[in-house]
Amino acid sequence: VQKFGLRFPTASDAHSFLISLK
């Protein structure tokens, strides 16, 4: 997965990002 913010986040990127916060 590319670094969050290097490109426009897709739905799956956002989902993975939210999971990483938990």
N, C-alpha and C. Protein backbone atom coordinates (compact mmCIF):
# COMPACT_ATOMS: atom_id res chain seq x y z
N VAL A 1 0.84 -1.20 0.00
CA VAL A 1 0.00 0.00 0.00
C VAL A 1 0.88 1.25 0.00
N GLN A 2 0.56 2.21 -0.85
CA GLN A 2 1.35 3.44 -0.90
C GLN A 2 1.07 4.29 0.33
N LYS A 3 1.99 5.19 0.63
CA LYS A 3 1.80 6.06 1.80
C LYS A 3 0.53 6.88 1.63
N PHE A 4 -0.23 6.96 2.71
CA PHE A 4 -1.47 7.72 2.70
C PHE A 4 -1.16 9.19 2.41
N GLY A 5 -1.73 9.74 1.36
CA GLY A 5 -1.50 11.15 1.05
C GLY A 5 -0.68 11.34 -0.22
N LEU A 6 0.02 10.29 -0.67
CA LEU A 6 0.80 10.41 -1.90
C LEU A 6 -0.10 10.48 -3.12
N ARG A 7 -1.31 9.98 -2.97
CA ARG A 7 -2.26 9.97 -4.07
C ARG A 7 -3.64 10.16 -3.47
N PHE A 8 -4.64 10.37 -4.30
CA PHE A 8 -5.99 10.53 -3.79
C PHE A 8 -6.43 9.21 -3.17
N PRO A 9 -6.79 9.21 -1.88
CA PRO A 9 -7.15 7.97 -1.19
C PRO A 9 -8.41 7.33 -1.77
N THR A 10 -8.34 6.03 -1.97
CA THR A 10 -9.51 5.29 -2.44
C THR A 10 -10.31 4.83 -1.23
N ALA A 11 -11.46 4.25 -1.46
CA ALA A 11 -12.30 3.78 -0.37
C ALA A 11 -11.56 2.75 0.48
N SER A 12 -10.84 1.84 -0.20
CA SER A 12 -10.12 0.79 0.53
C SER A 12 -8.96 1.38 1.33
N ASP A 13 -8.33 2.43 0.80
CA ASP A 13 -7.25 3.10 1.51
C ASP A 13 -7.79 3.73 2.80
N ALA A 14 -8.92 4.41 2.67
CA ALA A 14 -9.52 5.05 3.83
C ALA A 14 -9.91 4.01 4.87
N HIS A 15 -10.45 2.88 4.40
CA HIS A 15 -10.85 1.80 5.30
C HIS A 15 -9.64 1.26 6.05
N SER A 16 -8.55 1.01 5.33
CA SER A 16 -7.33 0.50 5.96
C SER A 16 -6.77 1.53 6.94
N PHE A 17 -6.87 2.81 6.59
CA PHE A 17 -6.37 3.87 7.46
C PHE A 17 -7.17 3.90 8.76
N LEU A 18 -8.48 3.78 8.66
CA LEU A 18 -9.32 3.79 9.86
C LEU A 18 -9.02 2.59 10.74
N ILE A 19 -8.78 1.43 10.12
CA ILE A 19 -8.47 0.22 10.88
C ILE A 19 -7.15 0.40 11.63
N SER A 20 -6.20 1.06 10.99
CA SER A 20 -4.88 1.25 11.61
C SER A 20 -4.96 2.16 12.83
N LEU A 21 -6.00 2.98 12.90
CA LEU A 21 -6.15 3.88 14.04
C LEU A 21 -6.70 3.16 15.26
N LYS A 22 -7.37 2.04 15.04
CA LYS A 22 -8.00 1.32 16.15
C LYS A 22 -6.99 0.51 16.95
